[in-house]
Amino acid sequence: MIAVILNFVRELADFFAANFDPWRDSVDILLVTAGIYWLLLLIRGTRAVQILVGLVVLIALSLASELFQFVTTKLILENFLGSAVLIIIVLFQHDIRRALARVGRGFFPSVSAQQESQLLEEVVRTAQTLADARVGALMVLERESSLADQIDAGTAVNAELSKELLESIFNPTSPLHDGAVVIQDGRIASAGCILPLTLRTDLPEGVGTRHRAAVGITEETDALVIVVSEETGKIAVVMGGEMIRGLDAPSLRRVLYDIMAGERRDLPEASELGRAVALSDLENSDAHAERSAG
């Protein structure tokens, strides 16, 4: 085994000595590195990350089988990896096309930054109005990864996003108020959608089906979800399986604009905003306890 490794290292050193050109190959390496980094940015937060990890493991197994002379394993892996690129393109053609179309864009790539700000403002105003009225709501903003495979049922709407339309959809008398509204490219694509529920058991106490659905869809995609609780009248933002609760309109606006500006890629519980919201909730709880005691 040691002789095999030493022979491999010697052959690799001889190859570099005979073929390495400092200027040409350095530029080549930089280009490949930039390409890989760009690809990782495209697939971050999507299901393709899991596929990429699986491919890396298979490649490592293929190299190990060649090193240890596992002939059968090597043959199977080589045949599979030879078609891996084609398989990935077929399985994720929609995600790849959408990701390429959204490079460097925000939530709604088909609109300008000013229009995007106006659309987000409509979402914030809607969430605040519904929260004040204690009306539950679940709004899903599609980003780079498609939601088609994760969403069941739903009624096609394909209408311009507006506060009035969102409020009418989530009106308790509306037949679509129990499901989620999916917002794609700045438009309300569908309503009454059923989202997958998370299986996590470590969620905070008091979260209901809406919050579990919000966490579930963000565990599988890079979507951003806004939840309005009808029990507490509070707003929550969920992304990447993480949740910030207890938001009002100003703090919700800050979260959305921070993400849109690229300053926030996830929502960790330890974030400054998360600590501020938690502190605010704690102070409110203490004040309520003091009033009750008084």
C-alpha atoms as a PDB file:
ATOM      1  CA  MET A   1       0.000   0.000   0.000  1.00  0.00           C
ATOM      2  CA  ILE A   2       2.766   2.448   0.924  1.00  0.00           C
ATOM      3  CA  ALA A   3       4.536   1.648  -2.343  1.00  0.00           C
ATOM      4  CA  VAL A   4       1.356   2.396  -4.293  1.00  0.00           C
ATOM      5  CA  ILE A   5       0.937   5.764  -2.560  1.00  0.00           C
ATOM      6  CA  LEU A   6       4.581   6.704  -3.069  1.00  0.00           C
ATOM      7  CA  ASN A   7       4.350   5.750  -6.739  1.00  0.00           C
ATOM      8  CA  PHE A   8       1.229   7.882  -7.143  1.00  0.00           C
ATOM      9  CA  VAL A   9       2.917  10.870  -5.500  1.00  0.00           C
ATOM     10  CA  ARG A  10       5.998  10.428  -7.670  1.00  0.00           C
ATOM     11  CA  GLU A  11       3.933  10.297 -10.858  1.00  0.00           C
ATOM     12  CA  LEU A  12       1.988  13.375  -9.770  1.00  0.00           C
ATOM     13  CA  ALA A  13       5.211  15.289  -9.078  1.00  0.00           C
ATOM     14  CA  ASP A  14       6.655  14.279 -12.466  1.00  0.00           C
ATOM     15  CA  PHE A  15       3.459  15.401 -14.185  1.00  0.00           C
ATOM     16  CA  PHE A  16       3.547  18.836 -12.537  1.00  0.00           C
ATOM     17  CA  ALA A  17       7.260  19.235 -13.266  1.00  0.00           C
ATOM     18  CA  ALA A  18       6.699  18.536 -16.956  1.00  0.00           C
ATOM     19  CA  ASN A  19       3.401  20.393 -17.502  1.00  0.00           C
ATOM     20  CA  PHE A  20       3.008  23.174 -14.945  1.00  0.00           C
ATOM     21  CA  ASP A  21       3.281  26.713 -16.285  1.00  0.00           C
ATOM     22  CA  PRO A  22       3.105  29.267 -13.420  1.00  0.00           C
ATOM     23  CA  TRP A  23       1.296  32.055 -15.290  1.00  0.00           C
ATOM     24  CA  ARG A  24      -1.037  30.023 -17.467  1.00  0.00           C
ATOM     25  CA  ASP A  25      -2.008  27.472 -14.831  1.00  0.00           C
ATOM     26  CA  SER A  26      -2.415  30.088 -12.084  1.00  0.00           C
ATOM     27  CA  VAL A  27      -4.946  31.958 -14.223  1.00  0.00           C
ATOM     28  CA  ASP A  28      -6.621  28.651 -15.045  1.00  0.00           C
ATOM     29  CA  ILE A  29      -6.913  27.759 -11.356  1.00  0.00           C
ATOM     30  CA  LEU A  30      -8.328  31.181 -10.489  1.00  0.00           C
ATOM     31  CA  LEU A  31     -10.972  30.872 -13.207  1.00  0.00           C
ATOM     32  CA  VAL A  32     -12.006  27.410 -12.025  1.00  0.00           C
ATOM     33  CA  THR A  33     -12.114  28.618  -8.403  1.00  0.00           C
ATOM     34  CA  ALA A  34     -14.306  31.570  -9.348  1.00  0.00           C
ATOM     35  CA  GLY A  35     -16.587  29.263 -11.324  1.00  0.00           C
ATOM     36  CA  ILE A  36     -16.973  26.853  -8.405  1.00  0.00           C
ATOM     37  CA  TYR A  37     -17.646  29.722  -5.999  1.00  0.00           C
ATOM     38  CA  TRP A  38     -20.282  31.150  -8.357  1.00  0.00           C
ATOM     39  CA  LEU A  39     -21.907  27.721  -8.654  1.00  0.00           C
ATOM     40  CA  LEU A  40     -22.036  27.366  -4.869  1.00  0.00           C
ATOM     41  CA  LEU A  41     -23.730  30.756  -4.620  1.00  0.00           C
ATOM     42  CA  LEU A  42     -26.327  29.641  -7.148  1.00  0.00           C
ATOM     43  CA  ILE A  43     -27.235  26.421  -5.374  1.00  0.00           C
ATOM     44  CA  ARG A  44     -26.927  27.639  -1.802  1.00  0.00           C
ATOM     45  CA  GLY A  45     -30.127  26.908   0.083  1.00  0.00           C
ATOM     46  CA  THR A  46     -31.512  24.615  -2.605  1.00  0.00           C
ATOM     47  CA  ARG A  47     -31.926  20.856  -2.878  1.00  0.00           C
ATOM     48  CA  ALA A  48     -28.998  20.817  -5.292  1.00  0.00           C
ATOM     49  CA  VAL A  49     -26.639  21.229  -2.312  1.00  0.00           C
ATOM     50  CA  GLN A  50     -27.620  17.793  -1.060  1.00  0.00           C
ATOM     51  CA  ILE A  51     -27.028  16.321  -4.509  1.00  0.00           C
ATOM     52  CA  LEU A  52     -23.617  18.006  -4.662  1.00  0.00           C
ATOM     53  CA  VAL A  53     -22.619  16.548  -1.306  1.00  0.00           C
ATOM     54  CA  GLY A  54     -23.696  13.112  -2.510  1.00  0.00           C
ATOM     55  CA  LEU A  55     -21.628  13.466  -5.679  1.00  0.00           C
ATOM     56  CA  VAL A  56     -18.564  14.503  -3.680  1.00  0.00           C
ATOM     57  CA  VAL A  57     -18.960  11.395  -1.535  1.00  0.00           C
ATOM     58  CA  LEU A  58     -19.286   9.188  -4.629  1.00  0.00           C
ATOM     59  CA  ILE A  59     -16.199  10.768  -6.202  1.00  0.00           C
ATOM     60  CA  ALA A  60     -14.263  10.163  -2.993  1.00  0.00           C
ATOM     61  CA  LEU A  61     -15.403   6.541  -2.986  1.00  0.00           C
ATOM     62  CA  SER A  62     -14.347   6.207  -6.624  1.00  0.00           C
ATOM     63  CA  LEU A  63     -10.860   7.501  -5.821  1.00  0.00           C
ATOM     64  CA  ALA A  64     -10.647   5.211  -2.808  1.00  0.00           C
ATOM     65  CA  SER A  65     -11.722   2.203  -4.863  1.00  0.00           C
ATOM     66  CA  GLU A  66      -8.988   2.978  -7.395  1.00  0.00           C
ATOM     67  CA  LEU A  67      -6.416   3.376  -4.640  1.00  0.00           C
ATOM     68  CA  PHE A  68      -7.367   0.130  -2.896  1.00  0.00           C
ATOM     69  CA  GLN A  69      -8.059  -1.739  -6.164  1.00  0.00           C
ATOM     70  CA  PHE A  70     -11.745  -2.457  -5.493  1.00  0.00           C
ATOM     71  CA  VAL A  71     -12.455  -3.423  -9.087  1.00  0.00           C
ATOM     72  CA  THR A  72     -16.213  -3.994  -8.860  1.00  0.00           C
ATOM     73  CA  THR A  73     -16.894  -0.842  -6.836  1.00  0.00           C
ATOM     74  CA  LYS A  74     -14.709   1.201  -9.188  1.00  0.00           C
ATOM     75  CA  LEU A  75     -16.541  -0.131 -12.256  1.00  0.00           C
ATOM     76  CA  ILE A  76     -19.989   0.676 -10.857  1.00  0.00           C
ATOM     77  CA  LEU A  77     -19.014   4.175  -9.709  1.00  0.00           C
ATOM     78  CA  GLU A  78     -17.277   5.036 -12.972  1.00  0.00           C
ATOM     79  CA  ASN A  79     -20.334   4.034 -14.987  1.00  0.00           C
ATOM     80  CA  PHE A  80     -22.610   6.060 -12.716  1.00  0.00           C
ATOM     81  CA  LEU A  81     -20.410   9.155 -12.527  1.00  0.00           C
ATOM     82  CA  GLY A  82     -19.998   9.139 -16.283  1.00  0.00           C
ATOM     83  CA  SER A  83     -23.708  10.006 -16.588  1.00  0.00           C
ATOM     84  CA  ALA A  84     -23.958  12.126 -13.437  1.00  0.00           C
ATOM     85  CA  VAL A  85     -23.847  15.466 -15.231  1.00  0.00           C
ATOM     86  CA  LEU A  86     -26.659  14.465 -17.590  1.00  0.00           C
ATOM     87  CA  ILE A  87     -28.731  13.143 -14.675  1.00  0.00           C
ATOM     88  CA  ILE A  88     -28.303  16.395 -12.733  1.00  0.00           C
ATOM     89  CA  ILE A  89     -29.281  18.508 -15.730  1.00  0.00           C
ATOM     90  CA  VAL A  90     -32.418  16.449 -16.323  1.00  0.00           C
ATOM     91  CA  LEU A  91     -33.487  16.423 -12.662  1.00  0.00           C
ATOM     92  CA  PHE A  92     -32.763  20.068 -11.950  1.00  0.00           C
ATOM     93  CA  GLN A  93     -33.287  21.760 -15.300  1.00  0.00           C
ATOM     94  CA  HIS A  94     -35.982  24.031 -13.884  1.00  0.00           C
ATOM     95  CA  ASP A  95     -33.889  24.976 -10.833  1.00  0.00           C
ATOM     96  CA  ILE A  96     -30.806  25.611 -12.975  1.00  0.00           C
ATOM     97  CA  ARG A  97     -32.733  27.813 -15.397  1.00  0.00           C
ATOM     98  CA  ARG A  98     -34.317  29.778 -12.558  1.00  0.00           C
ATOM     99  CA  ALA A  99     -31.016  30.173 -10.694  1.00  0.00           C
ATOM    100  CA  LEU A 100     -29.214  31.416 -13.800  1.00  0.00           C
ATOM    101  CA  ALA A 101     -32.012  33.881 -14.463  1.00  0.00           C
ATOM    102  CA  ARG A 102     -31.775  35.261 -10.939  1.00  0.00           C
ATOM    103  CA  VAL A 103     -28.039  35.799 -10.625  1.00  0.00           C
ATOM    104  CA  GLY A 104     -27.469  38.970  -8.668  1.00  0.00           C
ATOM    105  CA  ARG A 105     -31.190  39.647  -8.388  1.00  0.00           C
ATOM    106  CA  GLY A 106     -33.397  40.127  -5.345  1.00  0.00           C
ATOM    107  CA  PHE A 107     -36.711  38.545  -4.401  1.00  0.00           C
ATOM    108  CA  PHE A 108     -38.456  39.581  -7.613  1.00  0.00           C
ATOM    109  CA  PRO A 109     -35.975  39.508 -10.520  1.00  0.00           C
ATOM    110  CA  SER A 110     -38.469  40.690 -13.117  1.00  0.00           C
ATOM    111  CA  VAL A 111     -38.961  44.099 -11.468  1.00  0.00           C
ATOM    112  CA  SER A 112     -36.707  47.012 -10.635  1.00  0.00           C
ATOM    113  CA  ALA A 113     -35.315  47.701  -7.179  1.00  0.00           C
ATOM    114  CA  GLN A 114     -37.841  50.493  -6.637  1.00  0.00           C
ATOM    115  CA  GLN A 115     -40.763  48.257  -7.619  1.00  0.00           C
ATOM    116  CA  GLU A 116     -39.372  45.502  -5.417  1.00  0.00           C
ATOM    117  CA  SER A 117     -39.340  47.871  -2.455  1.00  0.00           C
ATOM    118  CA  GLN A 118     -42.945  48.810  -3.155  1.00  0.00           C
ATOM    119  CA  LEU A 119     -43.981  45.156  -3.334  1.00  0.00           C
ATOM    120  CA  LEU A 120     -42.251  44.363  -0.046  1.00  0.00           C
ATOM    121  CA  GLU A 121     -43.996  47.347   1.495  1.00  0.00           C
ATOM    122  CA  GLU A 122     -47.329  45.862   0.404  1.00  0.00           C
ATOM    123  CA  VAL A 123     -46.390  42.615   2.161  1.00  0.00           C
ATOM    124  CA  VAL A 124     -45.385  44.456   5.338  1.00  0.00           C
ATOM    125  CA  ARG A 125     -48.579  46.524   5.415  1.00  0.00           C
ATOM    126  CA  THR A 126     -50.667  43.412   4.826  1.00  0.00           C
ATOM    127  CA  ALA A 127     -48.941  41.516   7.628  1.00  0.00           C
ATOM    128  CA  GLN A 128     -49.453  44.407  10.045  1.00  0.00           C
ATOM    129  CA  THR A 129     -53.139  44.794   9.189  1.00  0.00           C
ATOM    130  CA  LEU A 130     -53.780  41.067   9.564  1.00  0.00           C
ATOM    131  CA  ALA A 131     -51.803  40.944  12.814  1.00  0.00           C
ATOM    132  CA  ASP A 132     -53.835  43.827  14.274  1.00  0.00           C
ATOM    133  CA  ALA A 133     -57.042  42.004  13.329  1.00  0.00           C
ATOM    134  CA  ARG A 134     -55.738  38.650  14.656  1.00  0.00           C
ATOM    135  CA  VAL A 135     -56.183  37.027  11.247  1.00  0.00           C
ATOM    136  CA  GLY A 136     -53.799  34.172  10.463  1.00  0.00           C
ATOM    137  CA  ALA A 137     -51.741  34.291   7.276  1.00  0.00           C
ATOM    138  CA  LEU A 138     -48.949  32.411   5.533  1.00  0.00           C
ATOM    139  CA  MET A 139     -47.086  34.186   2.707  1.00  0.00           C
ATOM    140  CA  VAL A 140     -44.291  32.388   0.848  1.00  0.00           C
ATOM    141  CA  LEU A 141     -41.807  34.392  -1.228  1.00  0.00           C
ATOM    142  CA  GLU A 142     -40.178  32.143  -3.807  1.00  0.00           C
ATOM    143  CA  ARG A 143     -36.518  32.894  -4.365  1.00  0.00           C
ATOM    144  CA  GLU A 144     -34.001  30.849  -6.382  1.00  0.00           C
ATOM    145  CA  SER A 145     -35.346  27.336  -5.891  1.00  0.00           C
ATOM    146  CA  SER A 146     -38.672  26.355  -7.400  1.00  0.00           C
ATOM    147  CA  LEU A 147     -41.545  25.545  -5.065  1.00  0.00           C
ATOM    148  CA  ALA A 148     -43.434  23.422  -7.588  1.00  0.00           C
ATOM    149  CA  ASP A 149     -42.310  20.102  -6.097  1.00  0.00           C
ATOM    150  CA  GLN A 150     -43.049  21.113  -2.488  1.00  0.00           C
ATOM    151  CA  ILE A 151     -46.492  22.630  -2.863  1.00  0.00           C
ATOM    152  CA  ASP A 152     -49.647  20.554  -3.181  1.00  0.00           C
ATOM    153  CA  ALA A 153     -53.074  21.697  -4.328  1.00  0.00           C
ATOM    154  CA  GLY A 154     -53.584  25.431  -4.391  1.00  0.00           C
ATOM    155  CA  THR A 155     -55.613  27.665  -6.677  1.00  0.00           C
ATOM    156  CA  ALA A 156     -53.928  29.589  -9.470  1.00  0.00           C
ATOM    157  CA  VAL A 157     -54.299  33.346  -9.061  1.00  0.00           C
ATOM    158  CA  ASN A 158     -51.611  34.961 -11.244  1.00  0.00           C
ATOM    159  CA  ALA A 159     -52.483  38.491 -10.154  1.00  0.00           C
ATOM    160  CA  GLU A 160     -50.569  41.613  -9.251  1.00  0.00           C
ATOM    161  CA  LEU A 161     -49.505  41.719  -5.631  1.00  0.00           C
ATOM    162  CA  SER A 162     -51.530  44.165  -3.586  1.00  0.00           C
ATOM    163  CA  LYS A 163     -52.472  44.629   0.039  1.00  0.00           C
ATOM    164  CA  GLU A 164     -56.174  44.542  -0.767  1.00  0.00           C
ATOM    165  CA  LEU A 165     -55.962  41.233  -2.637  1.00  0.00           C
ATOM    166  CA  LEU A 166     -53.880  39.597   0.076  1.00  0.00           C
ATOM    167  CA  GLU A 167     -56.316  40.741   2.744  1.00  0.00           C
ATOM    168  CA  SER A 168     -59.259  39.366   0.775  1.00  0.00           C
ATOM    169  CA  ILE A 169     -57.528  35.997   0.350  1.00  0.00           C
ATOM    170  CA  PHE A 170     -56.808  35.665   4.081  1.00  0.00           C
ATOM    171  CA  ASN A 171     -60.235  36.893   5.124  1.00  0.00           C
ATOM    172  CA  PRO A 172     -61.686  34.148   7.384  1.00  0.00           C
ATOM    173  CA  THR A 173     -64.719  33.907   5.111  1.00  0.00           C
ATOM    174  CA  SER A 174     -62.561  33.233   2.050  1.00  0.00           C
ATOM    175  CA  PRO A 175     -62.288  29.580   0.940  1.00  0.00           C
ATOM    176  CA  LEU A 176     -58.533  30.095   0.436  1.00  0.00           C
ATOM    177  CA  HIS A 177     -57.682  31.632   3.818  1.00  0.00           C
ATOM    178  CA  ASP A 178     -56.393  28.413   5.422  1.00  0.00           C
ATOM    179  CA  GLY A 179     -53.630  27.747   2.893  1.00  0.00           C
ATOM    180  CA  ALA A 180     -50.476  29.599   1.909  1.00  0.00           C
ATOM    181  CA  VAL A 181     -50.122  32.324  -0.678  1.00  0.00           C
ATOM    182  CA  VAL A 182     -47.144  31.829  -2.987  1.00  0.00           C
ATOM    183  CA  ILE A 183     -45.549  34.983  -4.399  1.00  0.00           C
ATOM    184  CA  GLN A 184     -43.407  34.537  -7.507  1.00  0.00           C
ATOM    185  CA  ASP A 185     -41.664  37.295  -9.463  1.00  0.00           C
ATOM    186  CA  GLY A 186     -43.648  39.981  -7.691  1.00  0.00           C
ATOM    187  CA  ARG A 187     -47.034  38.413  -8.417  1.00  0.00           C
ATOM    188  CA  ILE A 188     -49.447  36.301  -6.409  1.00  0.00           C
ATOM    189  CA  ALA A 189     -49.046  32.996  -8.217  1.00  0.00           C
ATOM    190  CA  SER A 190     -51.387  30.796  -6.193  1.00  0.00           C
ATOM    191  CA  ALA A 191     -53.364  30.669  -2.959  1.00  0.00           C
ATOM    192  CA  GLY A 192     -54.699  27.980  -0.670  1.00  0.00           C
ATOM    193  CA  CYS A 193     -51.483  25.981  -1.067  1.00  0.00           C
ATOM    194  CA  ILE A 194     -50.619  23.126   1.286  1.00  0.00           C
ATOM    195  CA  LEU A 195     -46.998  23.140   2.485  1.00  0.00           C
ATOM    196  CA  PRO A 196     -45.003  20.233   3.935  1.00  0.00           C
ATOM    197  CA  LEU A 197     -44.832  20.249   7.743  1.00  0.00           C
ATOM    198  CA  THR A 198     -41.510  20.044   9.525  1.00  0.00           C
ATOM    199  CA  LEU A 199     -40.784  16.970  11.637  1.00  0.00           C
ATOM    200  CA  ARG A 200     -38.654  18.906  14.109  1.00  0.00           C
ATOM    201  CA  THR A 201     -39.490  18.547  17.788  1.00  0.00           C
ATOM    202  CA  ASP A 202     -37.380  21.448  19.063  1.00  0.00           C
ATOM    203  CA  LEU A 203     -39.613  24.288  17.905  1.00  0.00           C
ATOM    204  CA  PRO A 204     -40.685  26.887  20.480  1.00  0.00           C
ATOM    205  CA  GLU A 205     -43.818  26.214  22.463  1.00  0.00           C
ATOM    206  CA  GLY A 206     -46.995  27.710  21.112  1.00  0.00           C
ATOM    207  CA  VAL A 207     -46.195  27.429  17.407  1.00  0.00           C
ATOM    208  CA  GLY A 208     -49.028  26.047  15.341  1.00  0.00           C
ATOM    209  CA  THR A 209     -49.524  24.416  11.977  1.00  0.00           C
ATOM    210  CA  ARG A 210     -48.743  27.611  10.065  1.00  0.00           C
ATOM    211  CA  HIS A 211     -45.352  27.944  11.719  1.00  0.00           C
ATOM    212  CA  ARG A 212     -44.565  24.254  11.235  1.00  0.00           C
ATOM    213  CA  ALA A 213     -45.476  24.561   7.548  1.00  0.00           C
ATOM    214  CA  ALA A 214     -43.268  27.654   7.246  1.00  0.00           C
ATOM    215  CA  VAL A 215     -40.300  25.817   8.754  1.00  0.00           C
ATOM    216  CA  GLY A 216     -41.013  22.763   6.612  1.00  0.00           C
ATOM    217  CA  ILE A 217     -40.925  24.583   3.275  1.00  0.00           C
ATOM    218  CA  THR A 218     -37.779  26.529   4.223  1.00  0.00           C
ATOM    219  CA  GLU A 219     -35.974  23.340   5.212  1.00  0.00           C
ATOM    220  CA  GLU A 220     -36.304  22.089   1.631  1.00  0.00           C
ATOM    221  CA  THR A 221     -35.978  25.361  -0.310  1.00  0.00           C
ATOM    222  CA  ASP A 222     -34.494  28.842   0.063  1.00  0.00           C
ATOM    223  CA  ALA A 223     -37.953  30.431   0.233  1.00  0.00           C
ATOM    224  CA  LEU A 224     -38.714  33.174   2.725  1.00  0.00           C
ATOM    225  CA  VAL A 225     -41.976  32.847   4.638  1.00  0.00           C
ATOM    226  CA  ILE A 226     -43.962  35.410   6.601  1.00  0.00           C
ATOM    227  CA  VAL A 227     -46.374  34.031   9.196  1.00  0.00           C
ATOM    228  CA  VAL A 228     -49.089  35.939  11.026  1.00  0.00           C
ATOM    229  CA  SER A 229     -50.399  34.197  14.124  1.00  0.00           C
ATOM    230  CA  GLU A 230     -54.107  34.518  14.758  1.00  0.00           C
ATOM    231  CA  GLU A 231     -53.624  33.466  18.410  1.00  0.00           C
ATOM    232  CA  THR A 232     -51.019  36.098  19.365  1.00  0.00           C
ATOM    233  CA  GLY A 233     -51.325  38.638  16.560  1.00  0.00           C
ATOM    234  CA  LYS A 234     -47.533  38.481  16.132  1.00  0.00           C
ATOM    235  CA  ILE A 235     -45.544  38.233  12.913  1.00  0.00           C
ATOM    236  CA  ALA A 236     -42.749  35.728  12.279  1.00  0.00           C
ATOM    237  CA  VAL A 237     -40.179  35.410   9.511  1.00  0.00           C
ATOM    238  CA  VAL A 238     -38.815  31.983   8.608  1.00  0.00           C
ATOM    239  CA  MET A 239     -35.888  31.214   6.312  1.00  0.00           C
ATOM    240  CA  GLY A 240     -33.458  28.314   6.183  1.00  0.00           C
ATOM    241  CA  GLY A 241     -35.449  26.481   8.854  1.00  0.00           C
ATOM    242  CA  GLU A 242     -34.816  29.289  11.367  1.00  0.00           C
ATOM    243  CA  MET A 243     -37.535  31.483  12.836  1.00  0.00           C
ATOM    244  CA  ILE A 244     -37.741  34.957  14.298  1.00  0.00           C
ATOM    245  CA  ARG A 245     -40.987  35.562  16.159  1.00  0.00           C
ATOM    246  CA  GLY A 246     -42.619  38.530  17.788  1.00  0.00           C
ATOM    247  CA  LEU A 247     -42.072  40.984  14.943  1.00  0.00           C
ATOM    248  CA  ASP A 248     -44.090  44.098  14.255  1.00  0.00           C
ATOM    249  CA  ALA A 249     -44.225  46.084  11.014  1.00  0.00           C
ATOM    250  CA  PRO A 250     -40.970  48.081  11.534  1.00  0.00           C
ATOM    251  CA  SER A 251     -38.900  45.049  12.524  1.00  0.00           C
ATOM    252  CA  LEU A 252     -40.422  42.958   9.724  1.00  0.00           C
ATOM    253  CA  ARG A 253     -39.515  45.716   7.280  1.00  0.00           C
ATOM    254  CA  ARG A 254     -35.912  45.736   8.542  1.00  0.00           C
ATOM    255  CA  VAL A 255     -35.588  41.964   8.125  1.00  0.00           C
ATOM    256  CA  LEU A 256     -36.949  41.961   4.577  1.00  0.00           C
ATOM    257  CA  TYR A 257     -34.859  44.905   3.432  1.00  0.00           C
ATOM    258  CA  ASP A 258     -31.719  43.462   5.035  1.00  0.00           C
ATOM    259  CA  ILE A 259     -32.214  40.210   3.145  1.00  0.00           C
ATOM    260  CA  MET A 260     -33.006  42.049  -0.060  1.00  0.00           C
ATOM    261  CA  ALA A 261     -29.806  44.069   0.330  1.00  0.00           C
ATOM    262  CA  GLY A 262     -27.799  40.886   0.749  1.00  0.00           C
ATOM    263  CA  GLU A 263     -26.739  41.766   4.282  1.00  0.00           C
ATOM    264  CA  ARG A 264     -28.515  38.766   5.776  1.00  0.00           C
ATOM    265  CA  ARG A 265     -28.465  35.242   4.276  1.00  0.00           C
ATOM    266  CA  ASP A 266     -30.013  33.450   7.209  1.00  0.00           C
ATOM    267  CA  LEU A 267     -31.884  34.239  10.377  1.00  0.00           C
ATOM    268  CA  PRO A 268     -29.938  32.847  13.342  1.00  0.00           C
ATOM    269  CA  GLU A 269     -31.545  33.135  16.750  1.00  0.00           C
ATOM    270  CA  ALA A 270     -28.419  34.925  17.970  1.00  0.00           C
ATOM    271  CA  SER A 271     -28.736  37.761  15.473  1.00  0.00           C
ATOM    272  CA  GLU A 272     -28.924  41.330  16.736  1.00  0.00           C
ATOM    273  CA  LEU A 273     -32.501  41.631  15.584  1.00  0.00           C
ATOM    274  CA  GLY A 274     -33.387  38.297  17.130  1.00  0.00           C
ATOM    275  CA  ARG A 275     -31.933  39.392  20.476  1.00  0.00           C
ATOM    276  CA  ALA A 276     -33.754  42.717  20.231  1.00  0.00           C
ATOM    277  CA  VAL A 277     -37.061  40.993  19.542  1.00  0.00           C
ATOM    278  CA  ALA A 278     -36.475  38.473  22.306  1.00  0.00           C
ATOM    279  CA  LEU A 279     -35.579  41.271  24.739  1.00  0.00           C
ATOM    280  CA  SER A 280     -38.688  43.196  23.722  1.00  0.00           C
ATOM    281  CA  ASP A 281     -40.866  40.127  24.311  1.00  0.00           C
ATOM    282  CA  LEU A 282     -39.199  39.544  27.679  1.00  0.00           C
ATOM    283  CA  GLU A 283     -39.772  43.140  28.755  1.00  0.00           C
ATOM    284  CA  ASN A 284     -43.395  42.952  27.654  1.00  0.00           C
ATOM    285  CA  SER A 285     -43.833  39.692  29.581  1.00  0.00           C
ATOM    286  CA  ASP A 286     -42.262  41.206  32.703  1.00  0.00           C
ATOM    287  CA  ALA A 287     -44.446  44.300  32.435  1.00  0.00           C
ATOM    288  CA  HIS A 288     -47.537  42.135  32.016  1.00  0.00           C
ATOM    289  CA  ALA A 289     -46.539  40.066  35.057  1.00  0.00           C
ATOM    290  CA  GLU A 290     -46.011  43.211  37.126  1.00  0.00           C
ATOM    291  CA  ARG A 291     -49.418  44.567  36.122  1.00  0.00           C
ATOM    292  CA  SER A 292     -51.025  41.244  36.961  1.00  0.00           C
ATOM    293  CA  ALA A 293     -49.267  41.136  40.333  1.00  0.00           C
ATOM    294  CA  GLY A 294     -50.311  44.719  41.019  1.00  0.00           C
END
